[in-house]
C-alpha atoms as a PDB file:
ATOM      1  CA  MET A   1       0.170   0.050  -0.019  1.00  0.00           C
ATOM      2  CA  ASN A   2       1.512   3.337  -0.982  1.00  0.00           C
ATOM      3  CA  GLU A   3       1.878   6.248   1.270  1.00  0.00           C
ATOM      4  CA  SER A   4      -0.541   8.378  -0.186  1.00  0.00           C
ATOM      5  CA  TRP A   5      -3.397   5.501   0.212  1.00  0.00           C
ATOM      6  CA  THR A   6      -2.188   5.094   3.736  1.00  0.00           C
ATOM      7  CA  ARG A   7      -2.703   8.886   4.608  1.00  0.00           C
ATOM      8  CA  THR A   8      -6.214   8.681   2.672  1.00  0.00           C
ATOM      9  CA  ILE A   9      -7.345   5.553   5.041  1.00  0.00           C
ATOM     10  CA  ALA A  10      -5.911   7.580   7.814  1.00  0.00           C
ATOM     11  CA  VAL A  11      -8.124  10.737   6.822  1.00  0.00           C
ATOM     12  CA  ALA A  12     -11.165   8.182   6.288  1.00  0.00           C
ATOM     13  CA  GLN A  13     -11.024   6.688   9.737  1.00  0.00           C
ATOM     14  CA  ARG A  14     -10.762  10.289  11.321  1.00  0.00           C
ATOM     15  CA  ALA A  15     -13.837  11.377   9.401  1.00  0.00           C
ATOM     16  CA  PHE A  16     -15.684   8.043  10.260  1.00  0.00           C
ATOM     17  CA  ASP A  17     -14.703   8.420  14.228  1.00  0.00           C
ATOM     18  CA  ALA A  18     -15.957  11.977  14.213  1.00  0.00           C
ATOM     19  CA  THR A  19     -19.351  11.155  12.287  1.00  0.00           C
ATOM     20  CA  VAL A  20     -20.340   8.169  14.340  1.00  0.00           C
ATOM     21  CA  ARG A  21     -19.946  10.016  17.485  1.00  0.00           C
ATOM     22  CA  SER A  22     -22.231  12.731  16.131  1.00  0.00           C
ATOM     23  CA  ARG A  23     -25.636  13.481  17.482  1.00  0.00           C
ATOM     24  CA  ALA A  24     -26.802  14.582  14.331  1.00  0.00           C
ATOM     25  CA  LEU A  25     -26.109  11.274  12.506  1.00  0.00           C
ATOM     26  CA  LEU A  26     -28.329   9.630  15.482  1.00  0.00           C
ATOM     27  CA  ALA A  27     -31.341  11.884  15.026  1.00  0.00           C
ATOM     28  CA  VAL A  28     -31.260  11.782  11.392  1.00  0.00           C
ATOM     29  CA  GLY A  29     -30.741   8.230  11.124  1.00  0.00           C
ATOM     30  CA  ALA A  30     -33.742   7.516  13.684  1.00  0.00           C
ATOM     31  CA  GLY A  31     -36.031  10.074  11.748  1.00  0.00           C
ATOM     32  CA  TYR A  32     -35.060   8.147   8.483  1.00  0.00           C
ATOM     33  CA  ALA A  33     -35.621   4.825   9.894  1.00  0.00           C
ATOM     34  CA  PHE A  34     -38.997   5.790  11.220  1.00  0.00           C
ATOM     35  CA  VAL A  35     -40.176   6.884   7.592  1.00  0.00           C
ATOM     36  CA  ILE A  36     -39.004   3.795   6.097  1.00  0.00           C
ATOM     37  CA  PHE A  37     -40.829   1.809   8.891  1.00  0.00           C
ATOM     38  CA  ALA A  38     -43.705   3.558   8.387  1.00  0.00           C
ATOM     39  CA  ILE A  39     -44.003   3.056   4.950  1.00  0.00           C
ATOM     40  CA  ALA A  40     -43.385  -0.635   5.238  1.00  0.00           C
ATOM     41  CA  TRP A  41     -45.974  -1.092   7.842  1.00  0.00           C
ATOM     42  CA  THR A  42     -48.672   0.599   5.641  1.00  0.00           C
ATOM     43  CA  THR A  43     -47.846  -1.491   2.669  1.00  0.00           C
ATOM     44  CA  ARG A  44     -47.153  -4.565   4.645  1.00  0.00           C
ATOM     45  CA  GLY A  45     -48.513  -7.886   2.673  1.00  0.00           C
ATOM     46  CA  SER A  46     -48.848  -6.218  -0.744  1.00  0.00           C
ATOM     47  CA  GLY A  47     -45.439  -7.786  -1.701  1.00  0.00           C
ATOM     48  CA  TYR A  48     -41.840  -6.443  -3.092  1.00  0.00           C
ATOM     49  CA  LEU A  49     -42.850  -4.897  -5.944  1.00  0.00           C
ATOM     50  CA  SER A  50     -45.488  -2.282  -4.248  1.00  0.00           C
ATOM     51  CA  LEU A  51     -43.001  -1.526  -1.344  1.00  0.00           C
ATOM     52  CA  SER A  52     -40.553  -0.523  -4.084  1.00  0.00           C
ATOM     53  CA  LEU A  53     -42.898   1.645  -5.502  1.00  0.00           C
ATOM     54  CA  SER A  54     -43.790   3.177  -2.185  1.00  0.00           C
ATOM     55  CA  LEU A  55     -40.543   3.923  -1.030  1.00  0.00           C
ATOM     56  CA  LEU A  56     -39.141   5.393  -4.046  1.00  0.00           C
ATOM     57  CA  THR A  57     -40.605   9.070  -3.980  1.00  0.00           C
ATOM     58  CA  PRO A  58     -39.666   9.364  -0.215  1.00  0.00           C
ATOM     59  CA  LEU A  59     -36.171   7.824  -0.923  1.00  0.00           C
ATOM     60  CA  GLU A  60     -35.558  10.785  -3.515  1.00  0.00           C
ATOM     61  CA  VAL A  61     -36.117  13.062  -1.010  1.00  0.00           C
ATOM     62  CA  LEU A  62     -34.674  11.477   2.256  1.00  0.00           C
ATOM     63  CA  VAL A  63     -31.658  10.126   0.535  1.00  0.00           C
ATOM     64  CA  PRO A  64     -30.206  13.786  -0.219  1.00  0.00           C
ATOM     65  CA  VAL A  65     -31.289  15.012   2.945  1.00  0.00           C
ATOM     66  CA  VAL A  66     -29.398  12.319   5.116  1.00  0.00           C
ATOM     67  CA  ALA A  67     -26.428  12.823   3.016  1.00  0.00           C
ATOM     68  CA  PHE A  68     -26.451  16.483   3.455  1.00  0.00           C
ATOM     69  CA  ALA A  69     -27.112  16.222   6.842  1.00  0.00           C
ATOM     70  CA  VAL A  70     -23.989  14.099   7.476  1.00  0.00           C
ATOM     71  CA  GLY A  71     -21.907  15.802   5.191  1.00  0.00           C
ATOM     72  CA  TYR A  72     -22.462  19.247   4.891  1.00  0.00           C
ATOM     73  CA  ARG A  73     -20.239  20.291   7.653  1.00  0.00           C
ATOM     74  CA  SER A  74     -17.383  17.947   7.172  1.00  0.00           C
ATOM     75  CA  ILE A  75     -14.615  19.951   5.653  1.00  0.00           C
ATOM     76  CA  LEU A  76     -15.982  23.222   7.401  1.00  0.00           C
ATOM     77  CA  ASP A  77     -15.725  21.866  10.649  1.00  0.00           C
ATOM     78  CA  ASP A  78     -12.021  21.095  10.274  1.00  0.00           C
ATOM     79  CA  ARG A  79     -11.453  24.486   8.645  1.00  0.00           C
ATOM     80  CA  VAL A  80     -13.344  26.343  11.497  1.00  0.00           C
ATOM     81  CA  ARG A  81     -11.459  24.595  14.149  1.00  0.00           C
ATOM     82  CA  GLY A  82      -8.092  25.139  12.892  1.00  0.00           C
ATOM     83  CA  GLU A  83      -7.449  21.671  12.191  1.00  0.00           C
ATOM     84  CA  LEU A  84      -7.355  22.088   8.255  1.00  0.00           C
ATOM     85  CA  ALA A  85      -4.376  24.671   8.968  1.00  0.00           C
ATOM     86  CA  ILE A  86      -2.731  21.500  10.786  1.00  0.00           C
ATOM     87  CA  VAL A  87      -3.650  19.016   8.180  1.00  0.00           C
ATOM     88  CA  ARG A  88      -1.972  21.188   5.355  1.00  0.00           C
ATOM     89  CA  THR A  89       1.216  21.258   6.999  1.00  0.00           C
ATOM     90  CA  TYR A  90       1.538  17.422   6.854  1.00  0.00           C
ATOM     91  CA  PRO A  91       2.403  15.959   3.373  1.00  0.00           C
ATOM     92  CA  LEU A  92      -1.209  15.260   2.595  1.00  0.00           C
ATOM     93  CA  SER A  93      -2.693  16.192  -0.677  1.00  0.00           C
ATOM     94  CA  ALA A  94      -6.025  17.815  -0.937  1.00  0.00           C
ATOM     95  CA  ARG A  95      -7.031  14.789  -3.156  1.00  0.00           C
ATOM     96  CA  SER A  96      -6.133  12.808  -0.258  1.00  0.00           C
ATOM     97  CA  TYR A  97      -8.114  14.492   2.199  1.00  0.00           C
ATOM     98  CA  VAL A  98     -11.167  14.786   0.431  1.00  0.00           C
ATOM     99  CA  LEU A  99     -11.222  11.357  -0.652  1.00  0.00           C
ATOM    100  CA  GLY A 100     -10.593  10.552   2.574  1.00  0.00           C
ATOM    101  CA  VAL A 101     -13.672  12.381   4.131  1.00  0.00           C
ATOM    102  CA  PHE A 102     -15.803  11.165   1.301  1.00  0.00           C
ATOM    103  CA  LEU A 103     -14.736   7.424   2.237  1.00  0.00           C
ATOM    104  CA  GLY A 104     -15.475   8.083   6.221  1.00  0.00           C
ATOM    105  CA  ARG A 105     -18.412   9.392   5.888  1.00  0.00           C
ATOM    106  CA  LEU A 106     -20.028   7.157   3.378  1.00  0.00           C
ATOM    107  CA  ALA A 107     -18.937   4.444   5.682  1.00  0.00           C
ATOM    108  CA  THR A 108     -21.284   5.913   8.028  1.00  0.00           C
ATOM    109  CA  VAL A 109     -24.197   7.024   5.544  1.00  0.00           C
ATOM    110  CA  LEU A 110     -24.768   3.797   3.850  1.00  0.00           C
ATOM    111  CA  PRO A 111     -25.174   1.740   6.601  1.00  0.00           C
ATOM    112  CA  VAL A 112     -27.963   4.151   8.032  1.00  0.00           C
ATOM    113  CA  VAL A 113     -29.698   4.318   4.379  1.00  0.00           C
ATOM    114  CA  LEU A 114     -29.436   0.532   3.581  1.00  0.00           C
ATOM    115  CA  VAL A 115     -30.324  -1.048   6.912  1.00  0.00           C
ATOM    116  CA  PRO A 116     -33.709   0.260   7.407  1.00  0.00           C
ATOM    117  CA  LEU A 117     -34.537  -0.798   3.640  1.00  0.00           C
ATOM    118  CA  LEU A 118     -33.159  -4.226   4.251  1.00  0.00           C
ATOM    119  CA  ILE A 119     -35.005  -4.441   7.333  1.00  0.00           C
ATOM    120  CA  ALA A 120     -38.267  -3.201   5.750  1.00  0.00           C
ATOM    121  CA  GLY A 121     -37.805  -5.652   2.817  1.00  0.00           C
ATOM    122  CA  GLY A 122     -37.603  -8.421   5.498  1.00  0.00           C
ATOM    123  CA  SER A 123     -41.032  -7.491   6.901  1.00  0.00           C
ATOM    124  CA  VAL A 124     -42.692  -8.565   3.538  1.00  0.00           C
ATOM    125  CA  GLY A 125     -41.918 -11.933   3.948  1.00  0.00           C
ATOM    126  CA  VAL A 126     -43.622 -11.575   7.480  1.00  0.00           C
ATOM    127  CA  PHE A 127     -46.525  -9.897   6.463  1.00  0.00           C
ATOM    128  CA  ARG A 128     -47.160 -11.010   3.137  1.00  0.00           C
ATOM    129  CA  ALA A 129     -50.574 -11.600   1.737  1.00  0.00           C
ATOM    130  CA  GLU A 130     -51.714 -14.586  -0.520  1.00  0.00           C
ATOM    131  CA  SER A 131     -52.416 -11.969  -3.574  1.00  0.00           C
ATOM    132  CA  ILE A 132     -49.903  -9.846  -4.936  1.00  0.00           C
ATOM    133  CA  SER A 133     -49.897  -6.509  -6.733  1.00  0.00           C
ATOM    134  CA  VAL A 134     -51.798  -5.973  -9.611  1.00  0.00           C
ATOM    135  CA  LEU A 135     -48.989  -4.458 -11.295  1.00  0.00           C
ATOM    136  CA  ALA A 136     -47.458  -7.811 -11.427  1.00  0.00           C
ATOM    137  CA  THR A 137     -47.687  -9.923 -14.685  1.00  0.00           C
ATOM    138  CA  HIS A 138     -47.312 -13.125 -13.443  1.00  0.00           C
ATOM    139  CA  ALA A 139     -46.867 -15.313 -10.059  1.00  0.00           C
ATOM    140  CA  THR A 140     -42.979 -15.146 -10.057  1.00  0.00           C
ATOM    141  CA  ALA A 141     -43.018 -11.307 -10.668  1.00  0.00           C
ATOM    142  CA  ASP A 142     -42.898 -10.211  -7.147  1.00  0.00           C
ATOM    143  CA  SER A 143     -39.718 -11.886  -6.118  1.00  0.00           C
ATOM    144  CA  PRO A 144     -37.351 -10.208  -3.512  1.00  0.00           C
ATOM    145  CA  LEU A 145     -34.913  -9.521  -6.302  1.00  0.00           C
ATOM    146  CA  VAL A 146     -37.435  -6.621  -7.618  1.00  0.00           C
ATOM    147  CA  TYR A 147     -36.768  -5.069  -4.057  1.00  0.00           C
ATOM    148  CA  LEU A 148     -32.867  -6.105  -3.919  1.00  0.00           C
ATOM    149  CA  ARG A 149     -32.088  -4.326  -7.311  1.00  0.00           C
ATOM    150  CA  THR A 150     -33.922  -1.000  -5.926  1.00  0.00           C
ATOM    151  CA  VAL A 151     -31.881  -1.088  -2.658  1.00  0.00           C
ATOM    152  CA  VAL A 152     -28.397  -1.640  -5.022  1.00  0.00           C
ATOM    153  CA  LEU A 153     -29.676   1.527  -7.163  1.00  0.00           C
ATOM    154  CA  THR A 154     -30.226   3.366  -3.857  1.00  0.00           C
ATOM    155  CA  ALA A 155     -26.475   2.427  -2.742  1.00  0.00           C
ATOM    156  CA  ILE A 156     -25.592   3.939  -5.773  1.00  0.00           C
ATOM    157  CA  PHE A 157     -27.233   7.217  -5.481  1.00  0.00           C
ATOM    158  CA  VAL A 158     -26.015   7.848  -1.775  1.00  0.00           C
ATOM    159  CA  PRO A 159     -22.487   8.442  -2.832  1.00  0.00           C
ATOM    160  CA  VAL A 160     -23.771  11.296  -5.421  1.00  0.00           C
ATOM    161  CA  ALA A 161     -25.622  13.052  -3.151  1.00  0.00           C
ATOM    162  CA  LEU A 162     -22.352  13.175  -0.034  1.00  0.00           C
ATOM    163  CA  ALA A 163     -20.082  14.369  -2.762  1.00  0.00           C
ATOM    164  CA  VAL A 164     -22.182  17.189  -3.399  1.00  0.00           C
ATOM    165  CA  ALA A 165     -22.502  17.669   0.208  1.00  0.00           C
ATOM    166  CA  ILE A 166     -18.667  17.362   0.722  1.00  0.00           C
ATOM    167  CA  ALA A 167     -18.328  20.092  -2.216  1.00  0.00           C
ATOM    168  CA  VAL A 168     -20.481  22.318  -0.258  1.00  0.00           C
ATOM    169  CA  SER A 169     -18.562  22.000   2.885  1.00  0.00           C
ATOM    170  CA  ALA A 170     -15.622  22.548   1.180  1.00  0.00           C
ATOM    171  CA  ILE A 171     -16.870  25.771  -0.271  1.00  0.00           C
ATOM    172  CA  ALA A 172     -18.710  27.028   2.936  1.00  0.00           C
ATOM    173  CA  ARG A 173     -16.521  29.617   4.834  1.00  0.00           C
ATOM    174  CA  THR A 174     -19.151  30.359   7.642  1.00  0.00           C
ATOM    175  CA  THR A 175     -21.989  27.841   9.258  1.00  0.00           C
ATOM    176  CA  ARG A 176     -24.679  30.095   8.235  1.00  0.00           C
ATOM    177  CA  ASN A 177     -22.871  29.982   4.565  1.00  0.00           C
ATOM    178  CA  ALA A 178     -23.014  26.205   4.611  1.00  0.00           C
ATOM    179  CA  ILE A 179     -26.435  25.794   5.837  1.00  0.00           C
ATOM    180  CA  THR A 180     -27.550  28.604   2.850  1.00  0.00           C
ATOM    181  CA  LEU A 181     -25.841  26.150   0.795  1.00  0.00           C
ATOM    182  CA  ALA A 182     -26.945  23.101   1.887  1.00  0.00           C
ATOM    183  CA  ILE A 183     -30.711  24.074   1.377  1.00  0.00           C
ATOM    184  CA  GLY A 184     -29.668  24.963  -2.129  1.00  0.00           C
ATOM    185  CA  GLY A 185     -28.018  21.778  -3.003  1.00  0.00           C
ATOM    186  CA  VAL A 186     -30.837  19.766  -1.507  1.00  0.00           C
ATOM    187  CA  LEU A 187     -32.992  21.758  -3.477  1.00  0.00           C
ATOM    188  CA  VAL A 188     -31.429  21.470  -6.576  1.00  0.00           C
ATOM    189  CA  LEU A 189     -30.924  17.709  -6.358  1.00  0.00           C
ATOM    190  CA  VAL A 190     -34.609  17.204  -5.543  1.00  0.00           C
ATOM    191  CA  VAL A 191     -36.309  19.623  -7.603  1.00  0.00           C
ATOM    192  CA  GLY A 192     -34.230  22.229  -9.358  1.00  0.00           C
ATOM    193  CA  LEU A 193     -32.997  20.145 -12.443  1.00  0.00           C
ATOM    194  CA  ASP A 194     -36.223  18.168 -13.034  1.00  0.00           C
ATOM    195  CA  LEU A 195     -38.224  21.549 -12.982  1.00  0.00           C
ATOM    196  CA  GLY A 196     -35.784  22.972 -15.332  1.00  0.00           C
ATOM    197  CA  PHE A 197     -36.179  20.383 -17.858  1.00  0.00           C
ATOM    198  CA  VAL A 198     -39.779  20.596 -17.373  1.00  0.00           C
ATOM    199  CA  ALA A 199     -39.576  24.194 -18.230  1.00  0.00           C
ATOM    200  CA  GLY A 200     -37.382  23.705 -20.841  1.00  0.00           C
ATOM    201  CA  LEU A 201     -39.732  21.218 -22.833  1.00  0.00           C
ATOM    202  CA  ALA A 202     -43.006  23.303 -22.119  1.00  0.00           C
ATOM    203  CA  GLY A 203     -40.904  26.153 -23.440  1.00  0.00           C
ATOM    204  CA  GLY A 204     -39.857  24.284 -26.445  1.00  0.00           C
ATOM    205  CA  PHE A 205     -36.417  24.487 -25.655  1.00  0.00           C
ATOM    206  CA  VAL A 206     -35.940  21.123 -25.004  1.00  0.00           C
ATOM    207  CA  PRO A 207     -37.111  18.707 -27.602  1.00  0.00           C
ATOM    208  CA  GLY A 208     -39.192  15.762 -26.532  1.00  0.00           C
ATOM    209  CA  GLU A 209     -36.947  13.086 -28.131  1.00  0.00           C
ATOM    210  CA  ALA A 210     -33.799  14.175 -26.286  1.00  0.00           C
ATOM    211  CA  LEU A 211     -35.380  14.125 -23.060  1.00  0.00           C
ATOM    212  CA  SER A 212     -34.545  10.619 -22.037  1.00  0.00           C
ATOM    213  CA  THR A 213     -30.868  11.746 -22.620  1.00  0.00           C
ATOM    214  CA  LEU A 214     -31.027  14.916 -20.743  1.00  0.00           C
ATOM    215  CA  ALA A 215     -32.759  13.311 -17.528  1.00  0.00           C
ATOM    216  CA  ALA A 216     -29.541  11.144 -17.223  1.00  0.00           C
ATOM    217  CA  VAL A 217     -28.056  14.937 -16.018  1.00  0.00           C
ATOM    218  CA  SER A 218     -30.241  15.063 -13.051  1.00  0.00           C
ATOM    219  CA  PRO A 219     -29.057  12.641 -10.457  1.00  0.00           C
ATOM    220  CA  LEU A 220     -32.600  12.660  -8.820  1.00  0.00           C
ATOM    221  CA  SER A 221     -34.171  11.855 -12.457  1.00  0.00           C
ATOM    222  CA  ALA A 222     -31.061   9.220 -13.323  1.00  0.00           C
ATOM    223  CA  TYR A 223     -31.770   7.534 -10.278  1.00  0.00           C
ATOM    224  CA  ARG A 224     -35.398   7.199 -10.460  1.00  0.00           C
ATOM    225  CA  GLY A 225     -35.202   6.169 -14.087  1.00  0.00           C
ATOM    226  CA  LEU A 226     -32.800   3.519 -12.913  1.00  0.00           C
ATOM    227  CA  VAL A 227     -35.164   2.153 -10.261  1.00  0.00           C
ATOM    228  CA  LEU A 228     -38.020   2.187 -13.015  1.00  0.00           C
ATOM    229  CA  GLU A 229     -36.272   1.064 -16.021  1.00  0.00           C
ATOM    230  CA  VAL A 230     -33.800  -1.880 -14.264  1.00  0.00           C
ATOM    231  CA  ALA A 231     -35.937  -2.719 -10.663  1.00  0.00           C
ATOM    232  CA  ILE A 232     -39.278  -2.164 -11.106  1.00  0.00           C
ATOM    233  CA  GLY A 233     -40.046  -2.031 -14.923  1.00  0.00           C
ATOM    234  CA  PRO A 234     -38.608  -5.695 -16.096  1.00  0.00           C
ATOM    235  CA  VAL A 235     -41.742  -7.048 -13.829  1.00  0.00           C
ATOM    236  CA  ALA A 236     -44.271  -4.692 -14.098  1.00  0.00           C
ATOM    237  CA  GLY A 237     -44.170  -4.542 -17.890  1.00  0.00           C
ATOM    238  CA  ASP A 238     -45.439  -1.814 -19.952  1.00  0.00           C
ATOM    239  CA  THR A 239     -47.004  -0.258 -17.338  1.00  0.00           C
ATOM    240  CA  ILE A 240     -43.908   1.531 -16.030  1.00  0.00           C
ATOM    241  CA  ALA A 241     -41.237   3.380 -17.794  1.00  0.00           C
ATOM    242  CA  GLY A 242     -38.289   5.131 -16.303  1.00  0.00           C
ATOM    243  CA  GLY A 243     -38.043   7.167 -19.487  1.00  0.00           C
ATOM    244  CA  VAL A 244     -33.929   7.048 -19.603  1.00  0.00           C
ATOM    245  CA  ASP A 245     -31.445   5.246 -20.808  1.00  0.00           C
ATOM    246  CA  PRO A 246     -29.743   3.387 -18.146  1.00  0.00           C
ATOM    247  CA  PRO A 247     -26.054   3.188 -19.434  1.00  0.00           C
ATOM    248  CA  ALA A 248     -26.451   7.289 -19.643  1.00  0.00           C
ATOM    249  CA  ALA A 249     -28.280   7.464 -16.130  1.00  0.00           C
ATOM    250  CA  LEU A 250     -25.320   5.642 -14.688  1.00  0.00           C
ATOM    251  CA  ALA A 251     -22.907   7.584 -16.349  1.00  0.00           C
ATOM    252  CA  GLY A 252     -24.765  10.696 -15.095  1.00  0.00           C
ATOM    253  CA  LEU A 253     -24.331   9.527 -11.602  1.00  0.00           C
ATOM    254  CA  VAL A 254     -20.861   8.921 -11.874  1.00  0.00           C
ATOM    255  CA  VAL A 255     -19.778  12.008 -13.482  1.00  0.00           C
ATOM    256  CA  TRP A 256     -21.655  14.105 -11.076  1.00  0.00           C
ATOM    257  CA  THR A 257     -19.688  11.856  -8.171  1.00  0.00           C
ATOM    258  CA  GLY A 258     -16.735  12.855  -9.697  1.00  0.00           C
ATOM    259  CA  GLY A 259     -17.487  16.330 -10.442  1.00  0.00           C
ATOM    260  CA  ALA A 260     -18.659  17.204  -6.844  1.00  0.00           C
ATOM    261  CA  LEU A 261     -15.483  15.581  -5.458  1.00  0.00           C
ATOM    262  CA  ALA A 262     -13.453  17.488  -8.104  1.00  0.00           C
ATOM    263  CA  VAL A 263     -14.659  20.939  -6.946  1.00  0.00           C
ATOM    264  CA  ALA A 264     -14.389  19.442  -3.127  1.00  0.00           C
ATOM    265  CA  VAL A 265     -10.633  18.953  -3.800  1.00  0.00           C
ATOM    266  CA  ARG A 266      -9.961  22.276  -5.651  1.00  0.00           C
ATOM    267  CA  SER A 267     -11.636  24.233  -2.708  1.00  0.00           C
ATOM    268  CA  ALA A 268     -10.672  22.305   0.399  1.00  0.00           C
ATOM    269  CA  PHE A 269      -7.324  23.851   1.152  1.00  0.00           C
ATOM    270  CA  ARG A 270      -8.392  27.230  -0.183  1.00  0.00           C
ATOM    271  CA  THR A 271      -7.274  29.743   2.309  1.00  0.00           C
ATOM    272  CA  ASN A 272     -10.429  32.124   3.288  1.00  0.00           C
ATOM    273  CA  SER A 273     -10.088  35.379   1.270  1.00  0.00           C
ATOM    274  CA  ARG A 274     -11.908  37.423   4.166  1.00  0.00           C
END
């Protein structure tokens, strides 16, 4: 293992330890789990397909909220406490530092998001009714694989939201600034880009045939489209379509993650201009 990667792992461990001790993580995780379990309870016995559809829209909002709650102060706190100035005296590049922060925070956010989803999926087998969702086209359609694919795609969406949150933390110079940017970041991820596409389509600026490709530009549309196309669509038939090209959607999520981390790398060690 080279020295650069060793330093990255050390930063990741430090970020992980700091996040695990955070009361904010406990509060956000508890609230998130409550919503997931409440939805699972209301759809109990309806099957994996029904649960996946019921959770999709809440997850589009909850995943960015959880990621930003954990990540929006990640680099800012080091800067405010003066620890970032100390870190810069070590032979540690901005890239290794940001990657370490990202990996450490991701190691806490992923379990917070995925464990309640897995528990909710397990409840289907406990409360399953005799009949399955009317959306299923045959008796084997409502298999656990439908839900598992949804969980896996959600796990892919989590790093995207967290990377944007860390970029916000790197750019921010004060707590108030970070809160403002975090709220703006969540709104952009959740509704901003999608509303822009709708407005462009309504105004004739966006051709209808290009919408499936442009949807991949929005992380939320890419995630939603992937769940509908890859997880739910194959068993729901023509009744549900994601409206995205899956390879383009995956590429869009990767670009968002890499681009956000690149912004964080560029801004993390920048000195305060005030």
